[in-house]
Amino acid sequence: MLWLLFFLLPSFCDGRIAAQGVAHKNPNRSVHVKSRPHIYFCRSPNMEDFSCWWRPLENLTEEVSYVLTYSKDKEPQQECPDYVSSGPNSCHFDKKHTIIWKFYCLNVTAVTTHGNYTSQKHCLDVADIVQMEAPVNLSFYGWITLEHELQYRRVSEPDVWKVKYPLREPQVELLGLPVGEFVVRVRCRSHNARLWSEWSDPLMMSIPVRPPAGKLLVLILVTGVGVVALLVVTLGLLPQSRR
């Protein structure tokens, strides 16, 4: 009986060691098998080109490279045309490779020494992934009551500013300006604050030369009286010439 125990004990221990070895190896192997890259975002700024990004494999100590392949509708598969322009782990499709109203299906494959791991298929229509750039040249409308100060001067008088203040409306009429070139600028502030904004960019305006209304009226009257007098004299001389 004792001999039997001695014979069984080594085999039992070997079995436990072997089982532990399998238990340690299988989880690592299952992690590698279950891990695969994931295409998580695609974007087109203008429907003329687009890019897609993927999440790489994690916790890898070995070298890995990625290959993205795609197909349009039922056309044969092709490889990503540009892995650089949109940054790491991305593929960029320029205008030459972007066709709207066609269905793209993409896969990315991680190539390692232990095997290849391919993502789930990611399908899209370029028209559905349009995300515009942020707006620019915004105008702000708020509940703050603003007051404005307008300054203007002749171009030839750089230090002689005339002021219109305070102005509650965003427009003003400058009446009676003399002929010449003028510079106009404006700034604003909250009605309850003392700090002014910076001055706006200067605006150039020109007042053209126009004939005075009074002199023009006198000229019209004199011309009219002269024409009438000439007609009267002409009509008076005609009967005398017939005699």
C-alpha atoms as a PDB file:
ATOM      1  CA  MET A   1       0.000   0.000   0.000  1.00  0.00           C
ATOM      2  CA  LEU A   2       2.829   2.399   0.890  1.00  0.00           C
ATOM      3  CA  TRP A   3       4.565   1.647  -2.406  1.00  0.00           C
ATOM      4  CA  LEU A   4       1.331   2.415  -4.230  1.00  0.00           C
ATOM      5  CA  LEU A   5       1.127   5.838  -2.561  1.00  0.00           C
ATOM      6  CA  PHE A   6       4.728   6.619  -3.523  1.00  0.00           C
ATOM      7  CA  PHE A   7       3.985   5.737  -7.132  1.00  0.00           C
ATOM      8  CA  LEU A   8       0.742   7.748  -7.270  1.00  0.00           C
ATOM      9  CA  LEU A   9       2.083  10.892  -5.589  1.00  0.00           C
ATOM     10  CA  PRO A  10       4.548  11.915  -8.383  1.00  0.00           C
ATOM     11  CA  SER A  11       1.968  11.354 -11.076  1.00  0.00           C
ATOM     12  CA  PHE A  12      -0.610  13.376  -9.130  1.00  0.00           C
ATOM     13  CA  CYS A  13       1.849  16.242  -8.643  1.00  0.00           C
ATOM     14  CA  ASP A  14       2.829  16.149 -12.319  1.00  0.00           C
ATOM     15  CA  GLY A  15      -0.841  16.319 -13.208  1.00  0.00           C
ATOM     16  CA  ARG A  16      -1.373  19.401 -11.027  1.00  0.00           C
ATOM     17  CA  ILE A  17       1.704  21.118 -12.479  1.00  0.00           C
ATOM     18  CA  ALA A  18       0.571  20.344 -16.013  1.00  0.00           C
ATOM     19  CA  ALA A  19      -2.909  21.600 -15.248  1.00  0.00           C
ATOM     20  CA  GLN A  20      -1.516  24.804 -13.769  1.00  0.00           C
ATOM     21  CA  GLY A  21       0.638  25.272 -16.871  1.00  0.00           C
ATOM     22  CA  VAL A  22      -2.427  24.971 -19.066  1.00  0.00           C
ATOM     23  CA  ALA A  23      -4.330  27.352 -16.825  1.00  0.00           C
ATOM     24  CA  HIS A  24      -1.583  29.963 -17.139  1.00  0.00           C
ATOM     25  CA  LYS A  25      -1.173  29.571 -20.893  1.00  0.00           C
ATOM     26  CA  ASN A  26      -4.809  29.499 -21.964  1.00  0.00           C
ATOM     27  CA  PRO A  27      -5.841  32.905 -20.598  1.00  0.00           C
ATOM     28  CA  ASN A  28      -3.001  34.618 -22.462  1.00  0.00           C
ATOM     29  CA  ARG A  29      -3.856  32.789 -25.599  1.00  0.00           C
ATOM     30  CA  SER A  30      -7.564  33.621 -25.272  1.00  0.00           C
ATOM     31  CA  VAL A  31      -6.735  37.315 -24.755  1.00  0.00           C
ATOM     32  CA  HIS A  32      -4.747  37.334 -27.995  1.00  0.00           C
ATOM     33  CA  VAL A  33      -7.549  35.592 -29.853  1.00  0.00           C
ATOM     34  CA  LYS A  34     -10.309  37.837 -28.511  1.00  0.00           C
ATOM     35  CA  SER A  35      -8.363  41.092 -28.861  1.00  0.00           C
ATOM     36  CA  ARG A  36      -8.662  42.810 -32.196  1.00  0.00           C
ATOM     37  CA  PRO A  37      -8.542  46.372 -33.508  1.00  0.00           C
ATOM     38  CA  HIS A  38     -11.713  48.434 -33.720  1.00  0.00           C
ATOM     39  CA  ILE A  39     -12.685  51.140 -36.234  1.00  0.00           C
ATOM     40  CA  TYR A  40     -14.415  53.648 -33.975  1.00  0.00           C
ATOM     41  CA  PHE A  41     -14.803  56.873 -35.977  1.00  0.00           C
ATOM     42  CA  CYS A  42     -15.006  58.115 -39.569  1.00  0.00           C
ATOM     43  CA  ARG A  43     -15.446  61.731 -40.644  1.00  0.00           C
ATOM     44  CA  SER A  44     -15.729  63.779 -43.819  1.00  0.00           C
ATOM     45  CA  PRO A  45     -15.401  67.572 -43.510  1.00  0.00           C
ATOM     46  CA  ASN A  46     -16.806  68.381 -46.944  1.00  0.00           C
ATOM     47  CA  MET A  47     -17.987  65.230 -48.778  1.00  0.00           C
ATOM     48  CA  GLU A  48     -14.835  65.471 -50.892  1.00  0.00           C
ATOM     49  CA  ASP A  49     -12.507  63.394 -48.711  1.00  0.00           C
ATOM     50  CA  PHE A  50     -12.747  61.454 -45.446  1.00  0.00           C
ATOM     51  CA  SER A  51     -10.708  59.683 -42.774  1.00  0.00           C
ATOM     52  CA  CYS A  52     -11.236  56.742 -40.436  1.00  0.00           C
ATOM     53  CA  TRP A  53      -9.518  55.958 -37.125  1.00  0.00           C
ATOM     54  CA  TRP A  54      -9.144  52.665 -35.257  1.00  0.00           C
ATOM     55  CA  ARG A  55      -8.181  51.584 -31.754  1.00  0.00           C
ATOM     56  CA  PRO A  56      -5.052  49.377 -31.787  1.00  0.00           C
ATOM     57  CA  LEU A  57      -4.428  46.183 -29.825  1.00  0.00           C
ATOM     58  CA  GLU A  58      -3.546  46.768 -26.178  1.00  0.00           C
ATOM     59  CA  ASN A  59      -0.870  45.361 -23.871  1.00  0.00           C
ATOM     60  CA  LEU A  60       1.299  44.009 -26.658  1.00  0.00           C
ATOM     61  CA  THR A  61       5.060  43.723 -26.189  1.00  0.00           C
ATOM     62  CA  GLU A  62       5.680  42.439 -29.691  1.00  0.00           C
ATOM     63  CA  GLU A  63       5.791  44.479 -32.861  1.00  0.00           C
ATOM     64  CA  VAL A  64       2.509  44.920 -34.698  1.00  0.00           C
ATOM     65  CA  SER A  65       1.553  46.544 -37.984  1.00  0.00           C
ATOM     66  CA  TYR A  66      -1.890  47.436 -39.283  1.00  0.00           C
ATOM     67  CA  VAL A  67      -3.376  47.029 -42.729  1.00  0.00           C
ATOM     68  CA  LEU A  68      -6.716  48.623 -43.624  1.00  0.00           C
ATOM     69  CA  THR A  69      -8.608  47.226 -46.573  1.00  0.00           C
ATOM     70  CA  TYR A  70     -11.862  48.466 -48.056  1.00  0.00           C
ATOM     71  CA  SER A  71     -14.294  47.787 -50.847  1.00  0.00           C
ATOM     72  CA  LYS A  72     -16.885  49.981 -52.568  1.00  0.00           C
ATOM     73  CA  ASP A  73     -20.209  48.306 -53.227  1.00  0.00           C
ATOM     74  CA  LYS A  74     -19.254  45.024 -54.947  1.00  0.00           C
ATOM     75  CA  GLU A  75     -15.865  46.118 -56.221  1.00  0.00           C
ATOM     76  CA  PRO A  76     -12.697  44.190 -55.242  1.00  0.00           C
ATOM     77  CA  GLN A  77     -10.857  45.017 -52.032  1.00  0.00           C
ATOM     78  CA  GLN A  78      -8.152  47.684 -51.971  1.00  0.00           C
ATOM     79  CA  GLU A  79      -5.675  48.852 -49.352  1.00  0.00           C
ATOM     80  CA  CYS A  80      -5.746  52.195 -47.560  1.00  0.00           C
ATOM     81  CA  PRO A  81      -4.232  54.887 -49.821  1.00  0.00           C
ATOM     82  CA  ASP A  82      -2.762  57.059 -47.031  1.00  0.00           C
ATOM     83  CA  TYR A  83      -1.797  56.029 -43.481  1.00  0.00           C
ATOM     84  CA  VAL A  84      -0.071  59.331 -42.639  1.00  0.00           C
ATOM     85  CA  SER A  85      -2.190  62.438 -43.297  1.00  0.00           C
ATOM     86  CA  SER A  86      -4.731  61.918 -40.489  1.00  0.00           C
ATOM     87  CA  GLY A  87      -2.269  60.809 -37.810  1.00  0.00           C
ATOM     88  CA  PRO A  88      -1.532  57.503 -36.046  1.00  0.00           C
ATOM     89  CA  ASN A  89      -3.901  54.565 -36.472  1.00  0.00           C
ATOM     90  CA  SER A  90      -5.804  56.202 -39.303  1.00  0.00           C
ATOM     91  CA  CYS A  91      -6.534  56.016 -42.990  1.00  0.00           C
ATOM     92  CA  HIS A  92      -7.175  59.051 -45.171  1.00  0.00           C
ATOM     93  CA  PHE A  93      -9.111  58.920 -48.434  1.00  0.00           C
ATOM     94  CA  ASP A  94      -8.358  61.896 -50.675  1.00  0.00           C
ATOM     95  CA  LYS A  95     -10.620  63.249 -53.428  1.00  0.00           C
ATOM     96  CA  LYS A  96      -9.361  60.639 -55.862  1.00  0.00           C
ATOM     97  CA  HIS A  97     -10.452  57.812 -53.551  1.00  0.00           C
ATOM     98  CA  THR A  98     -13.718  59.359 -52.301  1.00  0.00           C
ATOM     99  CA  ILE A  99     -16.967  58.737 -54.137  1.00  0.00           C
ATOM    100  CA  ILE A 100     -20.267  59.803 -52.609  1.00  0.00           C
ATOM    101  CA  TRP A 101     -23.397  57.675 -52.856  1.00  0.00           C
ATOM    102  CA  LYS A 102     -21.269  54.517 -52.763  1.00  0.00           C
ATOM    103  CA  PHE A 103     -21.148  52.191 -49.798  1.00  0.00           C
ATOM    104  CA  TYR A 104     -17.697  51.654 -48.274  1.00  0.00           C
ATOM    105  CA  CYS A 105     -16.940  48.610 -46.102  1.00  0.00           C
ATOM    106  CA  LEU A 106     -13.654  48.641 -44.163  1.00  0.00           C
ATOM    107  CA  ASN A 107     -11.606  46.210 -42.085  1.00  0.00           C
ATOM    108  CA  VAL A 108      -8.352  46.789 -40.262  1.00  0.00           C
ATOM    109  CA  THR A 109      -6.024  43.858 -39.548  1.00  0.00           C
ATOM    110  CA  ALA A 110      -3.326  43.736 -36.873  1.00  0.00           C
ATOM    111  CA  VAL A 111      -0.380  41.688 -38.159  1.00  0.00           C
ATOM    112  CA  THR A 112       1.731  40.091 -35.380  1.00  0.00           C
ATOM    113  CA  THR A 113       4.212  37.244 -35.122  1.00  0.00           C
ATOM    114  CA  HIS A 114       1.535  35.094 -33.439  1.00  0.00           C
ATOM    115  CA  GLY A 115      -1.121  35.730 -36.049  1.00  0.00           C
ATOM    116  CA  ASN A 116      -3.415  38.282 -37.625  1.00  0.00           C
ATOM    117  CA  TYR A 117      -6.416  39.844 -35.884  1.00  0.00           C
ATOM    118  CA  THR A 118      -9.075  41.552 -37.994  1.00  0.00           C
ATOM    119  CA  SER A 119     -11.672  44.050 -36.842  1.00  0.00           C
ATOM    120  CA  GLN A 120     -15.363  43.786 -37.439  1.00  0.00           C
ATOM    121  CA  LYS A 121     -16.503  45.154 -40.765  1.00  0.00           C
ATOM    122  CA  HIS A 122     -17.308  48.875 -40.642  1.00  0.00           C
ATOM    123  CA  CYS A 123     -19.591  50.092 -43.443  1.00  0.00           C
ATOM    124  CA  LEU A 124     -20.502  53.684 -44.266  1.00  0.00           C
ATOM    125  CA  ASP A 125     -21.820  56.134 -46.814  1.00  0.00           C
ATOM    126  CA  VAL A 126     -19.669  59.267 -47.045  1.00  0.00           C
ATOM    127  CA  ALA A 127     -22.797  61.447 -47.050  1.00  0.00           C
ATOM    128  CA  ASP A 128     -23.670  60.093 -43.581  1.00  0.00           C
ATOM    129  CA  ILE A 129     -20.354  60.972 -41.899  1.00  0.00           C
ATOM    130  CA  VAL A 130     -20.109  64.649 -42.840  1.00  0.00           C
ATOM    131  CA  GLN A 131     -18.978  66.752 -39.886  1.00  0.00           C
ATOM    132  CA  MET A 132     -18.270  70.364 -40.788  1.00  0.00           C
ATOM    133  CA  GLU A 133     -15.467  72.489 -39.396  1.00  0.00           C
ATOM    134  CA  ALA A 134     -16.233  74.881 -36.553  1.00  0.00           C
ATOM    135  CA  PRO A 135     -17.964  78.145 -37.597  1.00  0.00           C
ATOM    136  CA  VAL A 136     -15.896  81.322 -37.991  1.00  0.00           C
ATOM    137  CA  ASN A 137     -16.667  85.065 -38.200  1.00  0.00           C
ATOM    138  CA  LEU A 138     -19.401  84.796 -35.587  1.00  0.00           C
ATOM    139  CA  SER A 139     -21.605  87.709 -34.543  1.00  0.00           C
ATOM    140  CA  PHE A 140     -22.608  87.925 -30.897  1.00  0.00           C
ATOM    141  CA  TYR A 141     -26.051  89.016 -29.732  1.00  0.00           C
ATOM    142  CA  GLY A 142     -26.614  89.228 -25.990  1.00  0.00           C
ATOM    143  CA  TRP A 143     -28.791  90.814 -23.347  1.00  0.00           C
ATOM    144  CA  ILE A 144     -26.136  93.379 -22.369  1.00  0.00           C
ATOM    145  CA  THR A 145     -27.147  96.956 -23.199  1.00  0.00           C
ATOM    146  CA  LEU A 146     -24.327  98.545 -25.158  1.00  0.00           C
ATOM    147  CA  GLU A 147     -23.408 102.143 -25.704  1.00  0.00           C
ATOM    148  CA  HIS A 148     -21.114 103.263 -28.500  1.00  0.00           C
ATOM    149  CA  GLU A 149     -18.692 106.076 -29.097  1.00  0.00           C
ATOM    150  CA  LEU A 150     -17.955 107.147 -32.658  1.00  0.00           C
ATOM    151  CA  GLN A 151     -14.995 109.302 -33.637  1.00  0.00           C
ATOM    152  CA  TYR A 152     -14.232 110.809 -37.027  1.00  0.00           C
ATOM    153  CA  ARG A 153     -11.654 113.189 -38.461  1.00  0.00           C
ATOM    154  CA  ARG A 154     -10.207 114.421 -41.701  1.00  0.00           C
ATOM    155  CA  VAL A 155      -7.378 112.336 -43.113  1.00  0.00           C
ATOM    156  CA  SER A 156      -5.237 115.456 -43.168  1.00  0.00           C
ATOM    157  CA  GLU A 157      -5.833 116.144 -39.432  1.00  0.00           C
ATOM    158  CA  PRO A 158      -4.576 113.040 -37.580  1.00  0.00           C
ATOM    159  CA  ASP A 159      -5.051 114.483 -34.068  1.00  0.00           C
ATOM    160  CA  VAL A 160      -8.348 116.343 -34.478  1.00  0.00           C
ATOM    161  CA  TRP A 161     -11.036 113.790 -33.640  1.00  0.00           C
ATOM    162  CA  LYS A 162     -14.706 114.738 -33.397  1.00  0.00           C
ATOM    163  CA  VAL A 163     -16.872 112.615 -31.122  1.00  0.00           C
ATOM    164  CA  LYS A 164     -20.437 111.276 -31.197  1.00  0.00           C
ATOM    165  CA  TYR A 165     -21.331 109.930 -27.738  1.00  0.00           C
ATOM    166  CA  PRO A 166     -23.287 108.289 -26.215  1.00  0.00           C
ATOM    167  CA  LEU A 167     -24.937 106.245 -28.940  1.00  0.00           C
ATOM    168  CA  ARG A 168     -27.417 103.517 -28.017  1.00  0.00           C
ATOM    169  CA  GLU A 169     -28.151 102.450 -31.594  1.00  0.00           C
ATOM    170  CA  PRO A 170     -25.649 100.665 -33.861  1.00  0.00           C
ATOM    171  CA  GLN A 171     -25.942 103.367 -36.550  1.00  0.00           C
ATOM    172  CA  VAL A 172     -25.676 107.168 -36.766  1.00  0.00           C
ATOM    173  CA  GLU A 173     -25.984 109.817 -39.484  1.00  0.00           C
ATOM    174  CA  LEU A 174     -23.159 112.297 -39.920  1.00  0.00           C
ATOM    175  CA  LEU A 175     -24.811 115.337 -41.476  1.00  0.00           C
ATOM    176  CA  GLY A 176     -23.165 118.414 -42.893  1.00  0.00           C
ATOM    177  CA  LEU A 177     -19.699 116.981 -43.415  1.00  0.00           C
ATOM    178  CA  PRO A 178     -17.520 119.120 -45.673  1.00  0.00           C
ATOM    179  CA  VAL A 179     -15.955 117.804 -48.840  1.00  0.00           C
ATOM    180  CA  GLY A 180     -12.900 115.643 -48.241  1.00  0.00           C
ATOM    181  CA  GLU A 181     -11.528 112.310 -47.010  1.00  0.00           C
ATOM    182  CA  PHE A 182     -12.461 111.137 -43.507  1.00  0.00           C
ATOM    183  CA  VAL A 183     -11.486 108.365 -41.081  1.00  0.00           C
ATOM    184  CA  VAL A 184     -14.167 106.824 -38.828  1.00  0.00           C
ATOM    185  CA  ARG A 185     -13.795 104.431 -35.900  1.00  0.00           C
ATOM    186  CA  VAL A 186     -16.067 103.143 -33.149  1.00  0.00           C
ATOM    187  CA  ARG A 187     -15.860 101.386 -29.792  1.00  0.00           C
ATOM    188  CA  CYS A 188     -18.418 100.100 -27.311  1.00  0.00           C
ATOM    189  CA  ARG A 189     -18.935  99.134 -23.688  1.00  0.00           C
ATOM    190  CA  SER A 190     -21.623  97.828 -21.402  1.00  0.00           C
ATOM    191  CA  HIS A 191     -24.005 100.511 -20.208  1.00  0.00           C
ATOM    192  CA  ASN A 192     -23.145  99.658 -16.585  1.00  0.00           C
ATOM    193  CA  ALA A 193     -19.373  99.356 -17.032  1.00  0.00           C
ATOM    194  CA  ARG A 194     -16.545 101.821 -17.418  1.00  0.00           C
ATOM    195  CA  LEU A 195     -14.151  99.778 -19.565  1.00  0.00           C
ATOM    196  CA  TRP A 196     -14.277 100.396 -23.289  1.00  0.00           C
ATOM    197  CA  SER A 197     -13.576  97.847 -25.971  1.00  0.00           C
ATOM    198  CA  GLU A 198     -10.676  98.293 -28.355  1.00  0.00           C
ATOM    199  CA  TRP A 199     -11.257 100.620 -31.287  1.00  0.00           C
ATOM    200  CA  SER A 200     -12.600  99.062 -34.449  1.00  0.00           C
ATOM    201  CA  ASP A 201     -10.509  99.000 -37.589  1.00  0.00           C
ATOM    202  CA  PRO A 202     -10.647 102.491 -39.163  1.00  0.00           C
ATOM    203  CA  LEU A 203     -13.086 103.029 -42.010  1.00  0.00           C
ATOM    204  CA  MET A 204     -12.248 105.435 -44.831  1.00  0.00           C
ATOM    205  CA  MET A 205     -15.007 107.488 -46.435  1.00  0.00           C
ATOM    206  CA  SER A 206     -15.062 110.254 -49.039  1.00  0.00           C
ATOM    207  CA  ILE A 207     -17.431 113.232 -49.354  1.00  0.00           C
ATOM    208  CA  PRO A 208     -17.545 114.235 -53.053  1.00  0.00           C
ATOM    209  CA  VAL A 209     -17.800 117.766 -54.422  1.00  0.00           C
ATOM    210  CA  ARG A 210     -21.379 118.772 -55.244  1.00  0.00           C
ATOM    211  CA  PRO A 211     -22.680 122.125 -56.563  1.00  0.00           C
ATOM    212  CA  PRO A 212     -24.492 124.137 -53.862  1.00  0.00           C
ATOM    213  CA  ALA A 213     -28.259 123.930 -54.141  1.00  0.00           C
ATOM    214  CA  GLY A 214     -28.753 127.746 -53.965  1.00  0.00           C
ATOM    215  CA  LYS A 215     -26.359 128.559 -56.776  1.00  0.00           C
ATOM    216  CA  LEU A 216     -27.825 125.822 -58.940  1.00  0.00           C
ATOM    217  CA  LEU A 217     -31.330 127.258 -58.470  1.00  0.00           C
ATOM    218  CA  VAL A 218     -30.169 130.768 -59.392  1.00  0.00           C
ATOM    219  CA  LEU A 219     -28.460 129.411 -62.499  1.00  0.00           C
ATOM    220  CA  ILE A 220     -31.651 127.639 -63.571  1.00  0.00           C
ATOM    221  CA  LEU A 221     -33.750 130.785 -63.048  1.00  0.00           C
ATOM    222  CA  VAL A 222     -31.350 133.033 -64.950  1.00  0.00           C
ATOM    223  CA  THR A 223     -31.179 130.583 -67.839  1.00  0.00           C
ATOM    224  CA  GLY A 224     -34.963 130.279 -67.948  1.00  0.00           C
ATOM    225  CA  VAL A 225     -35.517 134.062 -67.934  1.00  0.00           C
ATOM    226  CA  GLY A 226     -32.942 134.485 -70.690  1.00  0.00           C
ATOM    227  CA  VAL A 227     -34.630 131.895 -72.902  1.00  0.00           C
ATOM    228  CA  VAL A 228     -38.061 133.524 -72.411  1.00  0.00           C
ATOM    229  CA  ALA A 229     -36.701 137.000 -73.202  1.00  0.00           C
ATOM    230  CA  LEU A 230     -35.037 135.701 -76.346  1.00  0.00           C
ATOM    231  CA  LEU A 231     -38.316 134.156 -77.527  1.00  0.00           C
ATOM    232  CA  VAL A 232     -40.235 137.399 -76.892  1.00  0.00           C
ATOM    233  CA  VAL A 233     -37.741 139.483 -78.835  1.00  0.00           C
ATOM    234  CA  THR A 234     -37.704 136.976 -81.698  1.00  0.00           C
ATOM    235  CA  LEU A 235     -41.496 136.862 -81.956  1.00  0.00           C
ATOM    236  CA  GLY A 236     -41.668 140.696 -81.892  1.00  0.00           C
ATOM    237  CA  LEU A 237     -39.221 141.100 -84.733  1.00  0.00           C
ATOM    238  CA  LEU A 238     -40.897 138.636 -87.108  1.00  0.00           C
ATOM    239  CA  PRO A 239     -43.994 140.852 -87.967  1.00  0.00           C
ATOM    240  CA  GLN A 240     -41.811 143.919 -88.594  1.00  0.00           C
ATOM    241  CA  SER A 241     -39.610 142.029 -91.037  1.00  0.00           C
ATOM    242  CA  ARG A 242     -42.678 141.009 -93.092  1.00  0.00           C
ATOM    243  CA  ARG A 243     -43.686 144.677 -93.567  1.00  0.00           C
END
